[in-house]
């Protein structure tokens, strides 16, 4: 978005971006449908405040069964943009709450594609699941347990406890001669 086109102190912008415009190689998700971006722009000299929302649908891979699934994204944002200035590296300063909602623009342009990607990444869950009750994959044969029940043994004996197990077996055997 070219900032030179903003003429008043408050304007509204609504746009729809095709999914192909936003995907990048290496993303942990795929944009599955057009993305709607709507926001109000508040101009104060060279600073801009964008308050709005993003609506999208992304495709993720389930962290348990590895099947793809769709997840809706409905996120809101309130960001401040100011001109990018070179950091001279002088002095230390503590990060404040306002710093987390401040972004920078260069050459009078705000990259709305970057804003959308940021909102999509912020909406990602720590561990994406296709559903709460996902049973995942069998650790032995790799069968998707949501679709088929396999007959693999579920128990696992820790080999580090083999000596204790043998000792326990000897203690439970009846002694002869008593």
N, C-alpha and C. Protein backbone atom coordinates (compact mmCIF):
# COMPACT_ATOMS: atom_id res chain seq x y z
N UNK A 1 0.85 -1.16 0.00
CA UNK A 1 0.00 0.00 0.00
C UNK A 1 0.90 1.23 0.00
N UNK A 2 0.72 2.07 -0.97
CA UNK A 2 1.50 3.29 -1.08
C UNK A 2 0.89 4.35 -0.17
N UNK A 3 1.68 4.86 0.75
CA UNK A 3 1.17 5.81 1.74
C UNK A 3 0.90 7.19 1.15
N UNK A 4 1.45 7.47 -0.02
CA UNK A 4 1.20 8.75 -0.65
C UNK A 4 -0.25 8.89 -1.10
N UNK A 5 -0.97 7.77 -1.19
CA UNK A 5 -2.37 7.82 -1.61
C UNK A 5 -3.32 8.14 -0.46
N UNK A 6 -2.82 8.12 0.77
CA UNK A 6 -3.64 8.43 1.94
C UNK A 6 -3.69 9.95 2.08
N UNK A 7 -4.86 10.53 1.87
CA UNK A 7 -4.99 11.99 1.85
C UNK A 7 -5.65 12.56 3.12
N UNK A 8 -6.46 11.75 3.81
CA UNK A 8 -7.18 12.27 4.98
C UNK A 8 -6.67 11.60 6.25
N UNK A 9 -7.12 12.09 7.40
CA UNK A 9 -6.66 11.56 8.69
C UNK A 9 -7.24 10.18 9.00
N UNK A 10 -8.36 9.82 8.34
CA UNK A 10 -8.97 8.51 8.57
C UNK A 10 -9.56 8.00 7.26
N UNK A 11 -9.17 6.78 6.90
CA UNK A 11 -9.71 6.14 5.71
C UNK A 11 -9.95 4.67 6.00
N UNK A 12 -10.78 4.04 5.18
CA UNK A 12 -11.09 2.62 5.30
C UNK A 12 -10.58 1.91 4.06
N UNK A 13 -10.02 0.70 4.26
CA UNK A 13 -9.53 -0.09 3.14
C UNK A 13 -10.00 -1.53 3.31
N UNK A 14 -10.63 -2.08 2.28
CA UNK A 14 -11.06 -3.48 2.26
C UNK A 14 -10.52 -4.09 0.98
N UNK A 15 -9.83 -5.22 1.12
CA UNK A 15 -9.25 -5.89 -0.04
C UNK A 15 -9.39 -7.40 0.12
N UNK A 16 -9.38 -8.07 -1.03
CA UNK A 16 -9.36 -9.53 -1.05
C UNK A 16 -8.13 -9.94 -1.84
N UNK A 17 -7.34 -10.84 -1.27
CA UNK A 17 -6.13 -11.35 -1.91
C UNK A 17 -6.33 -12.81 -2.25
N UNK A 18 -5.95 -13.20 -3.44
CA UNK A 18 -6.01 -14.60 -3.85
C UNK A 18 -4.97 -15.40 -3.06
N UNK A 19 -5.28 -16.64 -2.78
CA UNK A 19 -4.41 -17.50 -1.98
C UNK A 19 -3.02 -17.60 -2.60
N UNK A 20 -2.94 -17.65 -3.91
CA UNK A 20 -1.65 -17.82 -4.59
C UNK A 20 -0.74 -16.62 -4.37
N UNK A 21 -1.30 -15.45 -4.08
CA UNK A 21 -0.50 -14.26 -3.87
C UNK A 21 0.25 -14.28 -2.55
N UNK A 22 -0.19 -15.10 -1.61
CA UNK A 22 0.35 -15.02 -0.25
C UNK A 22 1.23 -16.19 0.15
N UNK A 23 1.17 -17.29 -0.57
CA UNK A 23 1.95 -18.46 -0.18
C UNK A 23 3.42 -18.27 -0.46
N UNK A 24 4.24 -18.83 0.40
CA UNK A 24 5.69 -18.81 0.23
C UNK A 24 6.21 -20.21 0.45
N UNK A 25 7.25 -20.54 -0.28
CA UNK A 25 7.87 -21.85 -0.09
C UNK A 25 8.49 -21.87 1.31
N UNK A 26 8.30 -22.96 2.00
CA UNK A 26 8.83 -23.09 3.35
C UNK A 26 7.84 -22.74 4.44
N UNK A 27 6.67 -22.21 4.09
CA UNK A 27 5.65 -21.93 5.10
C UNK A 27 5.16 -23.25 5.69
N UNK A 28 4.76 -23.22 6.96
CA UNK A 28 4.25 -24.43 7.61
C UNK A 28 2.75 -24.60 7.37
N UNK A 29 2.19 -23.82 6.48
CA UNK A 29 0.78 -23.89 6.14
C UNK A 29 0.60 -23.50 4.68
N UNK A 30 -0.60 -23.78 4.16
CA UNK A 30 -0.95 -23.37 2.80
C UNK A 30 -2.22 -22.53 2.90
N UNK A 31 -2.22 -21.37 2.27
CA UNK A 31 -3.42 -20.55 2.24
C UNK A 31 -4.39 -21.23 1.28
N UNK A 32 -5.57 -21.61 1.80
CA UNK A 32 -6.48 -22.47 1.05
C UNK A 32 -7.62 -21.74 0.35
N UNK A 33 -7.80 -20.46 0.66
CA UNK A 33 -8.92 -19.70 0.08
C UNK A 33 -8.52 -18.23 0.04
N UNK A 34 -9.26 -17.43 -0.72
CA UNK A 34 -8.94 -16.00 -0.73
C UNK A 34 -8.98 -15.41 0.68
N UNK A 35 -8.11 -14.43 0.91
CA UNK A 35 -7.98 -13.79 2.22
C UNK A 35 -8.62 -12.41 2.15
N UNK A 36 -9.49 -12.15 3.13
CA UNK A 36 -10.12 -10.83 3.21
C UNK A 36 -9.40 -10.01 4.27
N UNK A 37 -8.97 -8.83 3.88
CA UNK A 37 -8.28 -7.92 4.78
C UNK A 37 -9.06 -6.61 4.80
N UNK A 38 -9.44 -6.17 5.98
CA UNK A 38 -10.15 -4.91 6.13
C UNK A 38 -9.60 -4.14 7.31
N UNK A 39 -9.35 -2.85 7.12
CA UNK A 39 -8.83 -2.07 8.24
C UNK A 39 -9.09 -0.58 8.04
N UNK A 40 -9.06 0.12 9.16
CA UNK A 40 -9.13 1.57 9.17
C UNK A 40 -7.71 2.10 9.28
N UNK A 41 -7.42 3.18 8.55
CA UNK A 41 -6.10 3.81 8.58
C UNK A 41 -6.27 5.17 9.25
N UNK A 42 -5.49 5.38 10.29
CA UNK A 42 -5.46 6.67 10.97
C UNK A 42 -4.09 7.28 10.73
N UNK A 43 -4.07 8.46 10.12
CA UNK A 43 -2.82 9.11 9.75
C UNK A 43 -2.52 10.24 10.72
N UNK A 44 -1.27 10.27 11.21
CA UNK A 44 -0.80 11.36 12.05
C UNK A 44 0.60 11.72 11.57
N UNK A 45 0.67 12.68 10.67
CA UNK A 45 1.91 13.09 10.01
C UNK A 45 2.54 11.89 9.30
N UNK A 46 3.70 11.40 9.79
CA UNK A 46 4.36 10.26 9.13
C UNK A 46 4.04 8.93 9.82
N UNK A 47 3.19 8.94 10.84
CA UNK A 47 2.84 7.72 11.53
C UNK A 47 1.44 7.29 11.12
N UNK A 48 1.26 5.97 11.02
CA UNK A 48 -0.02 5.42 10.60
C UNK A 48 -0.43 4.34 11.60
N UNK A 49 -1.71 4.31 11.90
CA UNK A 49 -2.26 3.25 12.77
C UNK A 49 -3.25 2.47 11.92
N UNK A 50 -3.07 1.15 11.86
CA UNK A 50 -3.96 0.27 11.11
C UNK A 50 -4.71 -0.60 12.11
N UNK A 51 -6.03 -0.50 12.12
CA UNK A 51 -6.87 -1.28 13.03
C UNK A 51 -7.86 -2.05 12.16
N UNK A 52 -7.80 -3.39 12.23
CA UNK A 52 -8.69 -4.15 11.37
C UNK A 52 -8.66 -5.63 11.66
N UNK A 53 -9.03 -6.40 10.63
CA UNK A 53 -9.10 -7.85 10.79
C UNK A 53 -8.74 -8.56 9.50
N UNK A 54 -8.40 -9.83 9.67
CA UNK A 54 -8.05 -10.71 8.57
C UNK A 54 -8.91 -11.96 8.68
N UNK A 55 -9.49 -12.39 7.56
CA UNK A 55 -10.28 -13.63 7.52
C UNK A 55 -9.72 -14.50 6.41
N UNK A 56 -9.38 -15.75 6.78
CA UNK A 56 -8.76 -16.65 5.82
C UNK A 56 -9.06 -18.09 6.20
N UNK A 57 -8.62 -19.00 5.37
CA UNK A 57 -8.68 -20.43 5.65
C UNK A 57 -7.32 -21.00 5.25
N UNK A 58 -6.67 -21.67 6.21
CA UNK A 58 -5.36 -22.24 5.93
C UNK A 58 -5.40 -23.75 6.09
N UNK A 59 -4.55 -24.42 5.36
CA UNK A 59 -4.43 -25.87 5.45
C UNK A 59 -3.17 -26.20 6.23
N UNK A 60 -3.34 -27.00 7.28
CA UNK A 60 -2.23 -27.43 8.13
C UNK A 60 -2.12 -28.94 8.10
N UNK A 61 -1.01 -29.45 8.61
CA UNK A 61 -0.82 -30.88 8.76
C UNK A 61 -0.99 -31.22 10.24
N UNK A 62 -1.83 -32.20 10.53
CA UNK A 62 -2.08 -32.60 11.91
C UNK A 62 -0.79 -33.10 12.55
N UNK A 63 -0.54 -32.67 13.77
CA UNK A 63 0.66 -33.05 14.49
C UNK A 63 0.65 -34.49 14.99
N UNK A 64 -0.50 -35.16 14.93
CA UNK A 64 -0.59 -36.56 15.38
C UNK A 64 -0.73 -37.55 14.24
N UNK A 65 -1.65 -37.28 13.31
CA UNK A 65 -1.91 -38.27 12.25
C UNK A 65 -1.34 -37.85 10.90
N UNK A 66 -0.79 -36.64 10.81
CA UNK A 66 -0.13 -36.11 9.60
C UNK A 66 -1.08 -35.87 8.43
N UNK A 67 -2.40 -35.93 8.67
CA UNK A 67 -3.38 -35.67 7.62
C UNK A 67 -3.59 -34.16 7.48
N UNK A 68 -3.81 -33.66 6.27
CA UNK A 68 -4.09 -32.23 6.12
C UNK A 68 -5.51 -31.90 6.59
N UNK A 69 -5.68 -30.70 7.12
CA UNK A 69 -7.01 -30.23 7.54
C UNK A 69 -7.06 -28.72 7.40
N UNK A 70 -8.28 -28.19 7.27
CA UNK A 70 -8.48 -26.74 7.13
C UNK A 70 -8.76 -26.11 8.48
N UNK A 71 -8.21 -24.91 8.67
CA UNK A 71 -8.43 -24.17 9.91
C UNK A 71 -8.81 -22.73 9.52
N UNK A 72 -9.95 -22.24 10.02
CA UNK A 72 -10.31 -20.85 9.74
C UNK A 72 -9.44 -19.89 10.55
N UNK A 73 -9.16 -18.74 9.99
CA UNK A 73 -8.39 -17.70 10.68
C UNK A 73 -9.25 -16.43 10.70
N UNK A 74 -9.53 -15.96 11.87
CA UNK A 74 -10.25 -14.70 12.07
C UNK A 74 -9.46 -13.93 13.11
N UNK A 75 -8.56 -13.07 12.66
CA UNK A 75 -7.70 -12.36 13.59
C UNK A 75 -7.91 -10.85 13.47
N UNK A 76 -7.69 -10.18 14.58
CA UNK A 76 -7.78 -8.71 14.60
C UNK A 76 -6.39 -8.16 14.90
N UNK A 77 -6.16 -6.94 14.48
CA UNK A 77 -4.86 -6.32 14.74
C UNK A 77 -5.03 -4.83 14.97
N UNK A 78 -4.08 -4.27 15.67
CA UNK A 78 -3.99 -2.84 15.94
C UNK A 78 -2.50 -2.51 15.91
N UNK A 79 -2.03 -2.05 14.76
CA UNK A 79 -0.60 -1.84 14.56
C UNK A 79 -0.29 -0.38 14.26
N UNK A 80 0.87 0.04 14.72
CA UNK A 80 1.36 1.38 14.41
C UNK A 80 2.55 1.24 13.47
N UNK A 81 2.53 2.03 12.42
CA UNK A 81 3.63 2.04 11.46
C UNK A 81 4.29 3.41 11.50
N UNK A 82 5.61 3.38 11.54
CA UNK A 82 6.36 4.62 11.49
C UNK A 82 7.54 4.46 10.53
N UNK A 83 8.10 5.56 10.08
CA UNK A 83 9.19 5.44 9.12
C UNK A 83 10.37 4.69 9.71
N UNK A 84 11.02 3.89 8.88
CA UNK A 84 12.20 3.13 9.32
C UNK A 84 13.37 4.09 9.43
N UNK A 85 14.04 4.06 10.57
CA UNK A 85 15.24 4.86 10.76
C UNK A 85 16.38 3.93 11.13
N UNK A 86 17.56 4.31 10.76
CA UNK A 86 18.74 3.49 11.06
C UNK A 86 18.98 3.47 12.56
N UNK A 87 19.28 2.28 13.09
CA UNK A 87 19.60 2.13 14.49
C UNK A 87 21.09 2.43 14.66
N UNK A 88 21.39 3.41 15.48
CA UNK A 88 22.79 3.76 15.70
C UNK A 88 23.45 2.85 16.71
N UNK A 89 22.65 2.05 17.42
CA UNK A 89 23.21 1.10 18.39
C UNK A 89 23.66 1.76 19.68
N UNK A 90 23.29 3.01 19.88
CA UNK A 90 23.72 3.70 21.09
C UNK A 90 22.76 3.41 22.23
N UNK A 91 23.32 2.95 23.32
CA UNK A 91 22.54 2.75 24.53
C UNK A 91 21.63 1.53 24.47
N UNK A 92 21.22 1.11 25.65
CA UNK A 92 20.27 -0.01 25.76
C UNK A 92 18.93 0.56 26.20
N UNK A 93 17.89 -0.17 25.81
CA UNK A 93 16.57 0.25 26.28
C UNK A 93 15.70 -0.98 26.42
N UNK A 94 14.76 -0.91 27.33
CA UNK A 94 13.86 -2.02 27.59
C UNK A 94 12.73 -2.03 26.56
N UNK A 95 12.33 -3.23 26.15
CA UNK A 95 11.22 -3.37 25.21
C UNK A 95 9.92 -3.10 25.96
N UNK A 96 9.12 -2.18 25.43
CA UNK A 96 7.86 -1.83 26.06
C UNK A 96 6.70 -2.41 25.27
N UNK A 97 5.50 -2.39 25.85
CA UNK A 97 4.32 -2.95 25.19
C UNK A 97 4.06 -2.32 23.83
N UNK A 98 4.24 -1.01 23.70
CA UNK A 98 4.02 -0.35 22.41
C UNK A 98 4.97 -0.85 21.34
N UNK A 99 6.15 -1.28 21.74
CA UNK A 99 7.12 -1.78 20.76
C UNK A 99 6.64 -3.05 20.07
N UNK A 100 5.80 -3.82 20.74
CA UNK A 100 5.30 -5.07 20.17
C UNK A 100 4.24 -4.84 19.10
N UNK A 101 3.65 -3.66 19.08
CA UNK A 101 2.63 -3.36 18.07
C UNK A 101 3.11 -2.30 17.09
N UNK A 102 4.40 -2.05 17.08
CA UNK A 102 4.96 -1.06 16.18
C UNK A 102 5.74 -1.75 15.07
N UNK A 103 5.47 -1.32 13.85
CA UNK A 103 6.19 -1.83 12.68
C UNK A 103 6.74 -0.63 11.91
N UNK A 104 7.54 -0.92 10.93
CA UNK A 104 8.20 0.16 10.20
C UNK A 104 7.93 0.02 8.70
N UNK A 105 7.93 1.15 8.04
CA UNK A 105 7.79 1.16 6.59
C UNK A 105 8.95 1.92 5.98
N UNK A 106 9.23 1.61 4.73
CA UNK A 106 10.29 2.29 3.99
C UNK A 106 9.73 2.74 2.65
N UNK A 107 10.28 3.82 2.13
CA UNK A 107 9.92 4.34 0.81
C UNK A 107 8.41 4.58 0.68
N UNK A 108 7.77 5.01 1.75
CA UNK A 108 6.34 5.33 1.76
C UNK A 108 5.45 4.15 1.36
N UNK A 109 5.87 2.93 1.71
CA UNK A 109 5.10 1.73 1.34
C UNK A 109 4.98 0.82 2.57
N UNK A 110 3.74 0.37 2.83
CA UNK A 110 3.50 -0.67 3.84
C UNK A 110 3.17 -1.94 3.09
N UNK A 111 3.89 -3.01 3.39
CA UNK A 111 3.70 -4.30 2.72
C UNK A 111 2.52 -5.02 3.37
N UNK A 112 1.36 -4.98 2.72
CA UNK A 112 0.16 -5.62 3.27
C UNK A 112 0.26 -7.14 3.21
N UNK A 113 0.99 -7.67 2.24
CA UNK A 113 1.21 -9.11 2.18
C UNK A 113 1.95 -9.59 3.42
N UNK A 114 2.94 -8.84 3.86
CA UNK A 114 3.68 -9.18 5.07
C UNK A 114 2.76 -9.09 6.29
N UNK A 115 1.91 -8.08 6.34
CA UNK A 115 0.96 -7.94 7.44
C UNK A 115 0.05 -9.17 7.51
N UNK A 116 -0.45 -9.63 6.37
CA UNK A 116 -1.34 -10.80 6.34
C UNK A 116 -0.58 -12.04 6.78
N UNK A 117 0.61 -12.27 6.24
CA UNK A 117 1.40 -13.45 6.64
C UNK A 117 1.67 -13.45 8.13
N UNK A 118 1.97 -12.29 8.68
CA UNK A 118 2.22 -12.17 10.12
C UNK A 118 0.97 -12.59 10.90
N UNK A 119 -0.20 -12.14 10.48
CA UNK A 119 -1.45 -12.49 11.16
C UNK A 119 -1.72 -13.99 11.05
N UNK A 120 -1.41 -14.59 9.90
CA UNK A 120 -1.60 -16.03 9.73
C UNK A 120 -0.66 -16.80 10.65
N UNK A 121 0.59 -16.39 10.73
CA UNK A 121 1.54 -17.06 11.62
C UNK A 121 1.14 -16.91 13.08
N UNK A 122 0.65 -15.75 13.46
CA UNK A 122 0.23 -15.55 14.85
C UNK A 122 -0.99 -16.40 15.22
N UNK A 123 -1.76 -16.83 14.23
CA UNK A 123 -2.95 -17.64 14.50
C UNK A 123 -2.64 -19.14 14.59
N UNK A 124 -1.42 -19.54 14.24
CA UNK A 124 -1.09 -20.97 14.24
C UNK A 124 -1.06 -21.52 15.66
N UNK A 125 -1.63 -22.71 15.85
CA UNK A 125 -1.56 -23.34 17.18
C UNK A 125 -0.17 -23.92 17.42
N UNK A 126 0.17 -24.13 18.69
CA UNK A 126 1.47 -24.73 19.03
C UNK A 126 1.59 -26.12 18.41
N UNK A 127 0.51 -26.90 18.53
CA UNK A 127 0.50 -28.25 17.95
C UNK A 127 -0.81 -28.37 17.19
N UNK A 128 -0.76 -28.29 15.86
CA UNK A 128 -2.01 -28.36 15.10
C UNK A 128 -2.62 -29.76 15.15
N UNK A 129 -3.91 -29.83 15.47
CA UNK A 129 -4.62 -31.10 15.52
C UNK A 129 -5.84 -31.02 14.62
N UNK A 130 -6.09 -32.07 13.85
CA UNK A 130 -7.25 -32.10 12.96
C UNK A 130 -8.54 -32.09 13.76
N UNK A 131 -8.50 -32.66 14.97
CA UNK A 131 -9.63 -32.62 15.91
C UNK A 131 -9.09 -32.97 17.29
N UNK A 132 -9.84 -32.63 18.33
CA UNK A 132 -9.36 -32.85 19.70
C UNK A 132 -9.09 -34.32 19.99
N UNK A 133 -9.92 -35.21 19.49
CA UNK A 133 -9.78 -36.63 19.79
C UNK A 133 -8.92 -37.39 18.80
N UNK A 134 -8.05 -36.73 18.07
CA UNK A 134 -7.21 -37.42 17.08
C UNK A 134 -6.36 -38.47 17.79
N UNK A 135 -6.38 -39.70 17.25
CA UNK A 135 -5.67 -40.83 17.86
C UNK A 135 -4.26 -40.98 17.31
N UNK A 136 -3.93 -40.28 16.23
CA UNK A 136 -2.57 -40.30 15.71
C UNK A 136 -2.22 -41.55 14.93
N UNK A 137 -0.92 -41.82 14.86
CA UNK A 137 -0.39 -42.97 14.13
C UNK A 137 0.10 -44.02 15.11
N UNK A 138 0.01 -45.29 14.70
CA UNK A 138 0.56 -46.38 15.49
C UNK A 138 2.08 -46.23 15.48
N UNK A 139 2.73 -46.26 16.64
CA UNK A 139 4.18 -46.11 16.67
C UNK A 139 4.94 -47.31 16.11
N UNK A 140 4.25 -48.43 15.94
CA UNK A 140 4.91 -49.63 15.42
C UNK A 140 4.79 -49.72 13.90
N UNK A 141 3.55 -49.67 13.39
CA UNK A 141 3.34 -49.89 11.95
C UNK A 141 3.00 -48.62 11.17
N UNK A 142 2.69 -47.51 11.86
CA UNK A 142 2.40 -46.25 11.18
C UNK A 142 0.97 -46.11 10.68
N UNK A 143 0.07 -47.01 11.04
CA UNK A 143 -1.32 -46.94 10.61
C UNK A 143 -2.01 -45.74 11.25
N UNK A 144 -2.84 -45.05 10.48
CA UNK A 144 -3.63 -43.95 11.01
C UNK A 144 -4.73 -44.56 11.88
N UNK A 145 -4.63 -44.38 13.19
CA UNK A 145 -5.57 -45.00 14.13
C UNK A 145 -6.95 -44.36 14.10
N UNK A 146 -7.12 -43.24 13.40
CA UNK A 146 -8.43 -42.64 13.23
C UNK A 146 -9.24 -43.42 12.19
N UNK A 147 -8.55 -44.14 11.31
CA UNK A 147 -9.21 -44.85 10.22
C UNK A 147 -9.31 -46.35 10.45
N UNK A 148 -8.26 -46.95 11.02
CA UNK A 148 -8.18 -48.41 11.18
C UNK A 148 -7.57 -48.73 12.54
N UNK A 149 -8.04 -49.81 13.13
CA UNK A 149 -7.45 -50.29 14.38
C UNK A 149 -6.43 -51.36 14.03
N UNK A 150 -5.19 -51.17 14.41
CA UNK A 150 -4.16 -52.17 14.09
C UNK A 150 -4.02 -53.14 15.26
N UNK A 151 -3.28 -54.22 15.04
CA UNK A 151 -3.12 -55.25 16.07
C UNK A 151 -1.70 -55.29 16.63
N UNK A 152 -1.02 -54.22 16.52
CA UNK A 152 0.35 -54.15 17.04
C UNK A 152 0.34 -54.17 18.57
N UNK A 153 1.35 -54.79 19.17
CA UNK A 153 1.42 -54.77 20.64
C UNK A 153 1.66 -53.34 21.13
N UNK A 154 0.92 -52.96 22.16
CA UNK A 154 1.01 -51.59 22.66
C UNK A 154 2.01 -51.44 23.80
N UNK A 155 2.35 -52.52 24.46
CA UNK A 155 3.25 -52.43 25.61
C UNK A 155 4.69 -52.25 25.17
N UNK A 156 5.46 -51.65 26.06
CA UNK A 156 6.88 -51.48 25.79
C UNK A 156 7.60 -51.73 27.09
N UNK A 157 8.54 -52.62 27.06
CA UNK A 157 9.35 -52.91 28.24
C UNK A 157 10.67 -52.16 28.12
N UNK A 158 10.95 -51.38 29.12
CA UNK A 158 12.19 -50.62 29.13
C UNK A 158 13.33 -51.58 29.42
N UNK A 159 14.27 -51.72 28.50
CA UNK A 159 15.36 -52.67 28.70
C UNK A 159 16.24 -52.33 29.90
N UNK A 160 16.20 -51.13 30.38
CA UNK A 160 17.01 -50.74 31.54
C UNK A 160 16.51 -51.40 32.82
N UNK A 161 15.25 -51.86 32.80
CA UNK A 161 14.69 -52.49 34.00
C UNK A 161 14.66 -54.01 33.89
N UNK A 162 15.32 -54.59 32.89
CA UNK A 162 15.31 -56.04 32.68
C UNK A 162 15.87 -56.78 33.89
N UNK A 163 16.96 -56.30 34.47
CA UNK A 163 17.57 -56.96 35.63
C UNK A 163 16.62 -56.95 36.83
N UNK A 164 15.94 -55.84 37.06
CA UNK A 164 14.98 -55.77 38.17
C UNK A 164 13.79 -56.69 37.94
N UNK A 165 13.36 -56.78 36.69
CA UNK A 165 12.24 -57.66 36.36
C UNK A 165 12.62 -59.12 36.61
N UNK A 166 13.83 -59.48 36.24
CA UNK A 166 14.30 -60.86 36.48
C UNK A 166 14.39 -61.14 37.97
N UNK A 167 14.89 -60.19 38.74
CA UNK A 167 14.99 -60.34 40.18
C UNK A 167 13.61 -60.49 40.81
N UNK A 168 12.65 -59.72 40.35
CA UNK A 168 11.29 -59.80 40.85
C UNK A 168 10.70 -61.17 40.54
N UNK A 169 10.99 -61.69 39.34
CA UNK A 169 10.51 -63.02 38.95
C UNK A 169 11.06 -64.10 39.86
N UNK A 170 12.32 -63.98 40.25
CA UNK A 170 12.94 -64.96 41.15
C UNK A 170 12.32 -64.89 42.54
N UNK A 171 11.96 -63.70 42.98
CA UNK A 171 11.41 -63.53 44.32
C UNK A 171 9.99 -64.06 44.42
N UNK A 172 9.26 -64.10 43.30
CA UNK A 172 7.88 -64.57 43.35
C UNK A 172 7.77 -66.07 43.11
N UNK A 173 8.86 -66.74 42.73
CA UNK A 173 8.82 -68.19 42.53
C UNK A 173 8.74 -68.87 43.90
N UNK A 174 7.94 -69.92 43.98
CA UNK A 174 7.89 -70.66 45.27
C UNK A 174 9.21 -71.41 45.47
N UNK A 175 9.71 -71.40 46.71
CA UNK A 175 10.97 -72.08 47.03
C UNK A 175 10.68 -73.54 47.32
N UNK A 176 11.58 -74.37 46.84
CA UNK A 176 11.43 -75.81 47.08
C UNK A 176 12.05 -76.18 48.43
N UNK A 177 11.49 -77.12 49.09
CA UNK A 177 12.04 -77.64 50.32
C UNK A 177 11.46 -76.97 51.56
N UNK A 178 10.53 -76.16 51.45
CA UNK A 178 9.92 -75.54 52.63
C UNK A 178 8.61 -76.12 52.90
